[in-house]
Amino acid sequence: MALNLRENVKPISYVKSNAAQMMDYVNERRNPIIITQNGEARAVLMDINTYQDNEDAFALLSLLKIAEKDIENGNVKDPDEVFNKLRKKLTKNG
């Protein structure tokens, strides 16, 4: 998703007067629109699928950060021990 500054940066006045076309653009191309106000970037308009993908990626990064902190603090268990316990539970319940 390469950002084309000519197509992907629009002033808020343009976005307001062409809202339907802007929605079609971001949904068809999955490219965000950077909205400017008084010459400064102020917001981003993106399709819902890209937004969801970003949220999912941030959630995964948060989990990785928690895992890294656990490893740093020594809060880890032997994988063989963990898998053996899981196998026993699965055999008991199965």
PDB file of N, CA and C in Angstrom:
ATOM      1  N   MET A   1       0.852  -1.171   0.000  1.00  0.00           N
ATOM      2  CA  MET A   1       0.000   0.000   0.000  1.00  0.00           C
ATOM      3  C   MET A   1       0.898   1.234   0.000  1.00  0.00           C
ATOM      4  N   ALA A   2       1.316   1.657  -1.161  1.00  0.00           N
ATOM      5  CA  ALA A   2       2.152   2.839  -1.293  1.00  0.00           C
ATOM      6  C   ALA A   2       1.276   4.088  -1.249  1.00  0.00           C
ATOM      7  N   LEU A   3       1.738   5.068  -0.530  1.00  0.00           N
ATOM      8  CA  LEU A   3       0.977   6.305  -0.388  1.00  0.00           C
ATOM      9  C   LEU A   3       1.351   7.259  -1.513  1.00  0.00           C
ATOM     10  N   ASN A   4       0.350   7.649  -2.296  1.00  0.00           N
ATOM     11  CA  ASN A   4       0.545   8.607  -3.377  1.00  0.00           C
ATOM     12  C   ASN A   4       0.051   9.959  -2.855  1.00  0.00           C
ATOM     13  N   LEU A   5       0.971  10.874  -2.614  1.00  0.00           N
ATOM     14  CA  LEU A   5       0.601  12.143  -1.976  1.00  0.00           C
ATOM     15  C   LEU A   5      -0.394  12.959  -2.799  1.00  0.00           C
ATOM     16  N   ARG A   6      -0.354  12.831  -4.107  1.00  0.00           N
ATOM     17  CA  ARG A   6      -1.321  13.554  -4.937  1.00  0.00           C
ATOM     18  C   ARG A   6      -2.739  13.040  -4.750  1.00  0.00           C
ATOM     19  N   GLU A   7      -2.870  11.731  -4.629  1.00  0.00           N
ATOM     20  CA  GLU A   7      -4.198  11.120  -4.518  1.00  0.00           C
ATOM     21  C   GLU A   7      -4.634  10.900  -3.078  1.00  0.00           C
ATOM     22  N   ASN A   8      -3.699  10.729  -2.158  1.00  0.00           N
ATOM     23  CA  ASN A   8      -4.038  10.299  -0.817  1.00  0.00           C
ATOM     24  C   ASN A   8      -4.002  11.388   0.252  1.00  0.00           C
ATOM     25  N   VAL A   9      -3.685  12.595  -0.104  1.00  0.00           N
ATOM     26  CA  VAL A   9      -3.721  13.708   0.842  1.00  0.00           C
ATOM     27  C   VAL A   9      -4.725  14.718   0.313  1.00  0.00           C
ATOM     28  N   LYS A  10      -5.755  14.976   1.111  1.00  0.00           N
ATOM     29  CA  LYS A  10      -6.829  15.879   0.671  1.00  0.00           C
ATOM     30  C   LYS A  10      -7.183  16.846   1.798  1.00  0.00           C
ATOM     31  N   PRO A  11      -7.508  18.084   1.438  1.00  0.00           N
ATOM     32  CA  PRO A  11      -7.988  19.027   2.455  1.00  0.00           C
ATOM     33  C   PRO A  11      -9.394  18.650   2.908  1.00  0.00           C
ATOM     34  N   ILE A  12      -9.724  19.015   4.117  1.00  0.00           N
ATOM     35  CA  ILE A  12     -11.023  18.662   4.688  1.00  0.00           C
ATOM     36  C   ILE A  12     -12.178  19.205   3.843  1.00  0.00           C
ATOM     37  N   SER A  13     -12.003  20.363   3.231  1.00  0.00           N
ATOM     38  CA  SER A  13     -13.068  20.923   2.398  1.00  0.00           C
ATOM     39  C   SER A  13     -13.367  20.008   1.213  1.00  0.00           C
ATOM     40  N   TYR A  14     -12.313  19.410   0.633  1.00  0.00           N
ATOM     41  CA  TYR A  14     -12.508  18.485  -0.484  1.00  0.00           C
ATOM     42  C   TYR A  14     -13.210  17.212  -0.013  1.00  0.00           C
ATOM     43  N   VAL A  15     -12.784  16.705   1.125  1.00  0.00           N
ATOM     44  CA  VAL A  15     -13.386  15.476   1.666  1.00  0.00           C
ATOM     45  C   VAL A  15     -14.862  15.704   1.977  1.00  0.00           C
ATOM     46  N   LYS A  16     -15.189  16.858   2.554  1.00  0.00           N
ATOM     47  CA  LYS A  16     -16.589  17.157   2.881  1.00  0.00           C
ATOM     48  C   LYS A  16     -17.452  17.207   1.628  1.00  0.00           C
ATOM     49  N   SER A  17     -16.953  17.852   0.596  1.00  0.00           N
ATOM     50  CA  SER A  17     -17.776  18.004  -0.606  1.00  0.00           C
ATOM     51  C   SER A  17     -17.765  16.761  -1.503  1.00  0.00           C
ATOM     52  N   ASN A  18     -16.875  15.824  -1.228  1.00  0.00           N
ATOM     53  CA  ASN A  18     -16.787  14.599  -2.032  1.00  0.00           C
ATOM     54  C   ASN A  18     -16.777  13.353  -1.142  1.00  0.00           C
ATOM     55  N   ALA A  19     -17.542  13.394  -0.064  1.00  0.00           N
ATOM     56  CA  ALA A  19     -17.496  12.324   0.936  1.00  0.00           C
ATOM     57  C   ALA A  19     -17.793  10.951   0.341  1.00  0.00           C
ATOM     58  N   ALA A  20     -18.816  10.832  -0.473  1.00  0.00           N
ATOM     59  CA  ALA A  20     -19.178   9.529  -1.044  1.00  0.00           C
ATOM     60  C   ALA A  20     -18.049   8.975  -1.914  1.00  0.00           C
ATOM     61  N   GLN A  21     -17.448   9.842  -2.730  1.00  0.00           N
ATOM     62  CA  GLN A  21     -16.336   9.395  -3.579  1.00  0.00           C
ATOM     63  C   GLN A  21     -15.115   8.997  -2.743  1.00  0.00           C
ATOM     64  N   MET A  22     -14.882   9.715  -1.663  1.00  0.00           N
ATOM     65  CA  MET A  22     -13.754   9.397  -0.781  1.00  0.00           C
ATOM     66  C   MET A  22     -13.967   8.031  -0.123  1.00  0.00           C
ATOM     67  N   MET A  23     -15.207   7.757   0.285  1.00  0.00           N
ATOM     68  CA  MET A  23     -15.524   6.459   0.880  1.00  0.00           C
ATOM     69  C   MET A  23     -15.317   5.350  -0.149  1.00  0.00           C
ATOM     70  N   ASP A  24     -15.774   5.572  -1.368  1.00  0.00           N
ATOM     71  CA  ASP A  24     -15.577   4.575  -2.431  1.00  0.00           C
ATOM     72  C   ASP A  24     -14.082   4.350  -2.664  1.00  0.00           C
ATOM     73  N   TYR A  25     -13.328   5.428  -2.713  1.00  0.00           N
ATOM     74  CA  TYR A  25     -11.883   5.346  -2.973  1.00  0.00           C
ATOM     75  C   TYR A  25     -11.184   4.481  -1.927  1.00  0.00           C
ATOM     76  N   VAL A  26     -11.410   4.777  -0.643  1.00  0.00           N
ATOM     77  CA  VAL A  26     -10.693   4.023   0.392  1.00  0.00           C
ATOM     78  C   VAL A  26     -11.164   2.573   0.454  1.00  0.00           C
ATOM     79  N   ASN A  27     -12.431   2.328   0.155  1.00  0.00           N
ATOM     80  CA  ASN A  27     -12.932   0.955   0.191  1.00  0.00           C
ATOM     81  C   ASN A  27     -12.481   0.129  -1.003  1.00  0.00           C
ATOM     82  N   GLU A  28     -12.398   0.744  -2.176  1.00  0.00           N
ATOM     83  CA  GLU A  28     -11.977   0.007  -3.372  1.00  0.00           C
ATOM     84  C   GLU A  28     -10.472  -0.235  -3.388  1.00  0.00           C
ATOM     85  N   ARG A  29      -9.699   0.778  -3.031  1.00  0.00           N
ATOM     86  CA  ARG A  29      -8.240   0.676  -3.131  1.00  0.00           C
ATOM     87  C   ARG A  29      -7.572   0.239  -1.840  1.00  0.00           C
ATOM     88  N   ARG A  30      -8.299   0.326  -0.745  1.00  0.00           N
ATOM     89  CA  ARG A  30      -7.740   0.033   0.582  1.00  0.00           C
ATOM     90  C   ARG A  30      -6.513   0.904   0.874  1.00  0.00           C
ATOM     91  N   ASN A  31      -6.539   2.119   0.345  1.00  0.00           N
ATOM     92  CA  ASN A  31      -5.516   3.116   0.636  1.00  0.00           C
ATOM     93  C   ASN A  31      -6.150   4.191   1.504  1.00  0.00           C
ATOM     94  N   PRO A  32      -5.491   4.571   2.579  1.00  0.00           N
ATOM     95  CA  PRO A  32      -6.055   5.619   3.427  1.00  0.00           C
ATOM     96  C   PRO A  32      -5.925   6.996   2.777  1.00  0.00           C
ATOM     97  N   ILE A  33      -6.793   7.889   3.194  1.00  0.00           N
ATOM     98  CA  ILE A  33      -6.724   9.294   2.787  1.00  0.00           C
ATOM     99  C   ILE A  33      -6.273  10.086   4.015  1.00  0.00           C
ATOM    100  N   ILE A  34      -5.243  10.885   3.850  1.00  0.00           N
ATOM    101  CA  ILE A  34      -4.804  11.780   4.916  1.00  0.00           C
ATOM    102  C   ILE A  34      -5.557  13.085   4.725  1.00  0.00           C
ATOM    103  N   ILE A  35      -6.269  13.501   5.754  1.00  0.00           N
ATOM    104  CA  ILE A  35      -7.089  14.713   5.669  1.00  0.00           C
ATOM    105  C   ILE A  35      -6.338  15.848   6.345  1.00  0.00           C
ATOM    106  N   THR A  36      -6.204  16.953   5.601  1.00  0.00           N
ATOM    107  CA  THR A  36      -5.503  18.113   6.151  1.00  0.00           C
ATOM    108  C   THR A  36      -6.497  19.208   6.530  1.00  0.00           C
ATOM    109  N   GLN A  37      -6.092  20.009   7.485  1.00  0.00           N
ATOM    110  CA  GLN A  37      -6.870  21.180   7.894  1.00  0.00           C
ATOM    111  C   GLN A  37      -5.866  22.306   8.115  1.00  0.00           C
ATOM    112  N   ASN A  38      -6.102  23.407   7.449  1.00  0.00           N
ATOM    113  CA  ASN A  38      -5.173  24.540   7.505  1.00  0.00           C
ATOM    114  C   ASN A  38      -3.751  24.112   7.136  1.00  0.00           C
ATOM    115  N   GLY A  39      -3.641  23.210   6.151  1.00  0.00           N
ATOM    116  CA  GLY A  39      -2.345  22.786   5.648  1.00  0.00           C
ATOM    117  C   GLY A  39      -1.620  21.747   6.487  1.00  0.00           C
ATOM    118  N   GLU A  40      -2.225  21.297   7.579  1.00  0.00           N
ATOM    119  CA  GLU A  40      -1.586  20.301   8.438  1.00  0.00           C
ATOM    120  C   GLU A  40      -2.372  18.998   8.420  1.00  0.00           C
ATOM    121  N   ALA A  41      -1.660  17.879   8.438  1.00  0.00           N
ATOM    122  CA  ALA A  41      -2.320  16.574   8.521  1.00  0.00           C
ATOM    123  C   ALA A  41      -3.037  16.483   9.865  1.00  0.00           C
ATOM    124  N   ARG A  42      -4.344  16.149   9.816  1.00  0.00           N
ATOM    125  CA  ARG A  42      -5.135  16.127  11.048  1.00  0.00           C
ATOM    126  C   ARG A  42      -5.857  14.805  11.296  1.00  0.00           C
ATOM    127  N   ALA A  43      -6.137  14.025  10.249  1.00  0.00           N
ATOM    128  CA  ALA A  43      -6.893  12.782  10.426  1.00  0.00           C
ATOM    129  C   ALA A  43      -6.621  11.854   9.252  1.00  0.00           C
ATOM    130  N   VAL A  44      -7.075  10.612   9.419  1.00  0.00           N
ATOM    131  CA  VAL A  44      -6.939   9.611   8.366  1.00  0.00           C
ATOM    132  C   VAL A  44      -8.290   8.949   8.152  1.00  0.00           C
ATOM    133  N   LEU A  45      -8.665   8.792   6.887  1.00  0.00           N
ATOM    134  CA  LEU A  45      -9.885   8.077   6.515  1.00  0.00           C
ATOM    135  C   LEU A  45      -9.451   6.763   5.889  1.00  0.00           C
ATOM    136  N   MET A  46      -9.923   5.644   6.465  1.00  0.00           N
ATOM    137  CA  MET A  46      -9.537   4.343   5.917  1.00  0.00           C
ATOM    138  C   MET A  46     -10.725   3.397   5.916  1.00  0.00           C
ATOM    139  N   ASP A  47     -10.627   2.365   5.100  1.00  0.00           N
ATOM    140  CA  ASP A  47     -11.710   1.390   5.033  1.00  0.00           C
ATOM    141  C   ASP A  47     -11.718   0.541   6.301  1.00  0.00           C
ATOM    142  N   ILE A  48     -12.856  -0.049   6.588  1.00  0.00           N
ATOM    143  CA  ILE A  48     -13.044  -0.790   7.827  1.00  0.00           C
ATOM    144  C   ILE A  48     -12.159  -2.032   7.898  1.00  0.00           C
ATOM    145  N   ASN A  49     -11.909  -2.691   6.772  1.00  0.00           N
ATOM    146  CA  ASN A  49     -11.069  -3.890   6.791  1.00  0.00           C
ATOM    147  C   ASN A  49      -9.629  -3.563   7.149  1.00  0.00           C
ATOM    148  N   THR A  50      -9.113  -2.471   6.613  1.00  0.00           N
ATOM    149  CA  THR A  50      -7.755  -2.039   6.963  1.00  0.00           C
ATOM    150  C   THR A  50      -7.698  -1.653   8.437  1.00  0.00           C
ATOM    151  N   TYR A  51      -8.722  -0.952   8.902  1.00  0.00           N
ATOM    152  CA  TYR A  51      -8.777  -0.567  10.312  1.00  0.00           C
ATOM    153  C   TYR A  51      -8.765  -1.818  11.197  1.00  0.00           C
ATOM    154  N   GLN A  52      -9.585  -2.812  10.862  1.00  0.00           N
ATOM    155  CA  GLN A  52      -9.639  -4.043  11.651  1.00  0.00           C
ATOM    156  C   GLN A  52      -8.309  -4.774  11.617  1.00  0.00           C
ATOM    157  N   ASP A  53      -7.677  -4.830  10.438  1.00  0.00           N
ATOM    158  CA  ASP A  53      -6.360  -5.463  10.329  1.00  0.00           C
ATOM    159  C   ASP A  53      -5.347  -4.764  11.241  1.00  0.00           C
ATOM    160  N   ASN A  54      -5.383  -3.442  11.270  1.00  0.00           N
ATOM    161  CA  ASN A  54      -4.475  -2.680  12.142  1.00  0.00           C
ATOM    162  C   ASN A  54      -4.751  -2.974  13.606  1.00  0.00           C
ATOM    163  N   GLU A  55      -6.025  -3.016  13.983  1.00  0.00           N
ATOM    164  CA  GLU A  55      -6.384  -3.308  15.374  1.00  0.00           C
ATOM    165  C   GLU A  55      -5.923  -4.709  15.770  1.00  0.00           C
ATOM    166  N   ASP A  56      -6.104  -5.673  14.870  1.00  0.00           N
ATOM    167  CA  ASP A  56      -5.653  -7.043  15.144  1.00  0.00           C
ATOM    168  C   ASP A  56      -4.140  -7.094  15.319  1.00  0.00           C
ATOM    169  N   ALA A  57      -3.423  -6.379  14.465  1.00  0.00           N
ATOM    170  CA  ALA A  57      -1.959  -6.351  14.556  1.00  0.00           C
ATOM    171  C   ALA A  57      -1.508  -5.720  15.871  1.00  0.00           C
ATOM    172  N   PHE A  58      -2.167  -4.632  16.281  1.00  0.00           N
ATOM    173  CA  PHE A  58      -1.815  -3.997  17.558  1.00  0.00           C
ATOM    174  C   PHE A  58      -2.117  -4.913  18.740  1.00  0.00           C
ATOM    175  N   ALA A  59      -3.209  -5.665  18.673  1.00  0.00           N
ATOM    176  CA  ALA A  59      -3.545  -6.606  19.742  1.00  0.00           C
ATOM    177  C   ALA A  59      -2.469  -7.692  19.843  1.00  0.00           C
ATOM    178  N   LEU A  60      -2.025  -8.193  18.700  1.00  0.00           N
ATOM    179  CA  LEU A  60      -0.984  -9.213  18.692  1.00  0.00           C
ATOM    180  C   LEU A  60       0.323  -8.655  19.251  1.00  0.00           C
ATOM    181  N   LEU A  61       0.660  -7.437  18.871  1.00  0.00           N
ATOM    182  CA  LEU A  61       1.872  -6.809  19.405  1.00  0.00           C
ATOM    183  C   LEU A  61       1.789  -6.634  20.919  1.00  0.00           C
ATOM    184  N   SER A  62       0.609  -6.313  21.423  1.00  0.00           N
ATOM    185  CA  SER A  62       0.424  -6.176  22.873  1.00  0.00           C
ATOM    186  C   SER A  62       0.667  -7.505  23.576  1.00  0.00           C
ATOM    187  N   LEU A  63       0.157  -8.595  22.993  1.00  0.00           N
ATOM    188  CA  LEU A  63       0.391  -9.922  23.577  1.00  0.00           C
ATOM    189  C   LEU A  63       1.870 -10.283  23.563  1.00  0.00           C
ATOM    190  N   LEU A  64       2.545  -9.945  22.469  1.00  0.00           N
ATOM    191  CA  LEU A  64       3.983 -10.214  22.395  1.00  0.00           C
ATOM    192  C   LEU A  64       4.759  -9.418  23.436  1.00  0.00           C
ATOM    193  N   LYS A  65       4.336  -8.188  23.665  1.00  0.00           N
ATOM    194  CA  LYS A  65       4.992  -7.347  24.670  1.00  0.00           C
ATOM    195  C   LYS A  65       4.832  -7.951  26.064  1.00  0.00           C
ATOM    196  N   ILE A  66       3.632  -8.453  26.361  1.00  0.00           N
ATOM    197  CA  ILE A  66       3.384  -9.101  27.650  1.00  0.00           C
ATOM    198  C   ILE A  66       4.264 -10.344  27.779  1.00  0.00           C
ATOM    199  N   ALA A  67       4.346 -11.136  26.701  1.00  0.00           N
ATOM    200  CA  ALA A  67       5.162 -12.354  26.725  1.00  0.00           C
ATOM    201  C   ALA A  67       6.639 -12.016  26.933  1.00  0.00           C
ATOM    202  N   GLU A  68       7.118 -10.978  26.262  1.00  0.00           N
ATOM    203  CA  GLU A  68       8.515 -10.580  26.427  1.00  0.00           C
ATOM    204  C   GLU A  68       8.796 -10.160  27.864  1.00  0.00           C
ATOM    205  N   LYS A  69       7.861  -9.454  28.465  1.00  0.00           N
ATOM    206  CA  LYS A  69       8.029  -9.021  29.856  1.00  0.00           C
ATOM    207  C   LYS A  69       8.069 -10.236  30.787  1.00  0.00           C
ATOM    208  N   ASP A  70       7.205 -11.219  30.537  1.00  0.00           N
ATOM    209  CA  ASP A  70       7.215 -12.454  31.334  1.00  0.00           C
ATOM    210  C   ASP A  70       8.558 -13.163  31.220  1.00  0.00           C
ATOM    211  N   ILE A  71       9.093 -13.228  30.002  1.00  0.00           N
ATOM    212  CA  ILE A  71      10.387 -13.883  29.795  1.00  0.00           C
ATOM    213  C   ILE A  71      11.484 -13.135  30.548  1.00  0.00           C
ATOM    214  N   GLU A  72      11.479 -11.801  30.453  1.00  0.00           N
ATOM    215  CA  GLU A  72      12.476 -10.990  31.160  1.00  0.00           C
ATOM    216  C   GLU A  72      12.411 -11.199  32.664  1.00  0.00           C
ATOM    217  N   ASN A  73      11.187 -11.376  33.186  1.00  0.00           N
ATOM    218  CA  ASN A  73      10.995 -11.544  34.630  1.00  0.00           C
ATOM    219  C   ASN A  73      11.148 -12.995  35.079  1.00  0.00           C
ATOM    220  N   GLY A  74      11.470 -13.887  34.142  1.00  0.00           N
ATOM    221  CA  GLY A  74      11.662 -15.286  34.490  1.00  0.00           C
ATOM    222  C   GLY A  74      10.363 -16.043  34.736  1.00  0.00           C
ATOM    223  N   ASN A  75       9.266 -15.461  34.325  1.00  0.00           N
ATOM    224  CA  ASN A  75       7.957 -16.085  34.513  1.00  0.00           C
ATOM    225  C   ASN A  75       7.668 -17.035  33.346  1.00  0.00           C
ATOM    226  N   VAL A  76       8.446 -18.134  33.310  1.00  0.00           N
ATOM    227  CA  VAL A  76       8.321 -19.106  32.219  1.00  0.00           C
ATOM    228  C   VAL A  76       8.264 -20.513  32.803  1.00  0.00           C
ATOM    229  N   LYS A  77       7.751 -21.445  32.018  1.00  0.00           N
ATOM    230  CA  LYS A  77       7.694 -22.844  32.441  1.00  0.00           C
ATOM    231  C   LYS A  77       8.320 -23.705  31.355  1.00  0.00           C
ATOM    232  N   ASP A  78       8.766 -24.853  31.771  1.00  0.00           N
ATOM    233  CA  ASP A  78       9.354 -25.814  30.841  1.00  0.00           C
ATOM    234  C   ASP A  78       8.275 -26.286  29.867  1.00  0.00           C
ATOM    235  N   PRO A  79       8.519 -26.176  28.554  1.00  0.00           N
ATOM    236  CA  PRO A  79       7.496 -26.551  27.580  1.00  0.00           C
ATOM    237  C   PRO A  79       7.057 -28.012  27.688  1.00  0.00           C
ATOM    238  N   ASP A  80       7.994 -28.919  27.974  1.00  0.00           N
ATOM    239  CA  ASP A  80       7.623 -30.334  28.112  1.00  0.00           C
ATOM    240  C   ASP A  80       6.621 -30.524  29.250  1.00  0.00           C
ATOM    241  N   GLU A  81       6.872 -29.823  30.349  1.00  0.00           N
ATOM    242  CA  GLU A  81       5.965 -29.906  31.506  1.00  0.00           C
ATOM    243  C   GLU A  81       4.568 -29.394  31.144  1.00  0.00           C
ATOM    244  N   VAL A  82       4.516 -28.287  30.461  1.00  0.00           N
ATOM    245  CA  VAL A  82       3.235 -27.688  30.069  1.00  0.00           C
ATOM    246  C   VAL A  82       2.474 -28.629  29.138  1.00  0.00           C
ATOM    247  N   PHE A  83       3.162 -29.165  28.127  1.00  0.00           N
ATOM    248  CA  PHE A  83       2.486 -30.044  27.169  1.00  0.00           C
ATOM    249  C   PHE A  83       2.054 -31.363  27.816  1.00  0.00           C
ATOM    250  N   ASN A  84       2.844 -31.877  28.737  1.00  0.00           N
ATOM    251  CA  ASN A  84       2.452 -33.099  29.444  1.00  0.00           C
ATOM    252  C   ASN A  84       1.181 -32.876  30.257  1.00  0.00           C
ATOM    253  N   LYS A  85       1.103 -31.729  30.942  1.00  0.00           N
ATOM    254  CA  LYS A  85      -0.115 -31.403  31.707  1.00  0.00           C
ATOM    255  C   LYS A  85      -1.322 -31.284  30.778  1.00  0.00           C
ATOM    256  N   LEU A  86      -1.124 -30.646  29.640  1.00  0.00           N
ATOM    257  CA  LEU A  86      -2.215 -30.509  28.682  1.00  0.00           C
ATOM    258  C   LEU A  86      -2.671 -31.865  28.151  1.00  0.00           C
ATOM    259  N   ARG A  87      -1.715 -32.737  27.844  1.00  0.00           N
ATOM    260  CA  ARG A  87      -2.062 -34.068  27.339  1.00  0.00           C
ATOM    261  C   ARG A  87      -2.874 -34.854  28.377  1.00  0.00           C
ATOM    262  N   LYS A  88      -2.456 -34.742  29.639  1.00  0.00           N
ATOM    263  CA  LYS A  88      -3.175 -35.444  30.707  1.00  0.00           C
ATOM    264  C   LYS A  88      -4.611 -34.923  30.818  1.00  0.00           C
ATOM    265  N   LYS A  89      -4.781 -33.600  30.752  1.00  0.00           N
ATOM    266  CA  LYS A  89      -6.127 -33.015  30.829  1.00  0.00           C
ATOM    267  C   LYS A  89      -6.979 -33.462  29.645  1.00  0.00           C
ATOM    268  N   LEU A  90      -6.381 -33.465  28.468  1.00  0.00           N
ATOM    269  CA  LEU A  90      -7.132 -33.850  27.271  1.00  0.00           C
ATOM    270  C   LEU A  90      -7.527 -35.333  27.318  1.00  0.00           C
ATOM    271  N   THR A  91      -6.622 -36.170  27.825  1.00  0.00           N
ATOM    272  CA  THR A  91      -6.951 -37.599  27.911  1.00  0.00           C
ATOM    273  C   THR A  91      -8.021 -37.846  28.970  1.00  0.00           C
ATOM    274  N   LYS A  92      -7.960 -37.095  30.058  1.00  0.00           N
ATOM    275  CA  LYS A  92      -8.950 -37.216  31.124  1.00  0.00           C
ATOM    276  C   LYS A  92     -10.340 -36.804  30.627  1.00  0.00           C
ATOM    277  N   ASN A  93     -10.390 -35.701  29.879  1.00  0.00           N
ATOM    278  CA  ASN A  93     -11.664 -35.166  29.392  1.00  0.00           C
ATOM    279  C   ASN A  93     -12.131 -35.830  28.103  1.00  0.00           C
ATOM    280  N   GLY A  94     -11.245 -36.557  27.444  1.00  0.00           N
ATOM    281  CA  GLY A  94     -11.591 -37.114  26.136  1.00  0.00           C
ATOM    282  C   GLY A  94     -12.138 -38.462  26.206  1.00  0.00           C
TER     283      GLY A  94
END
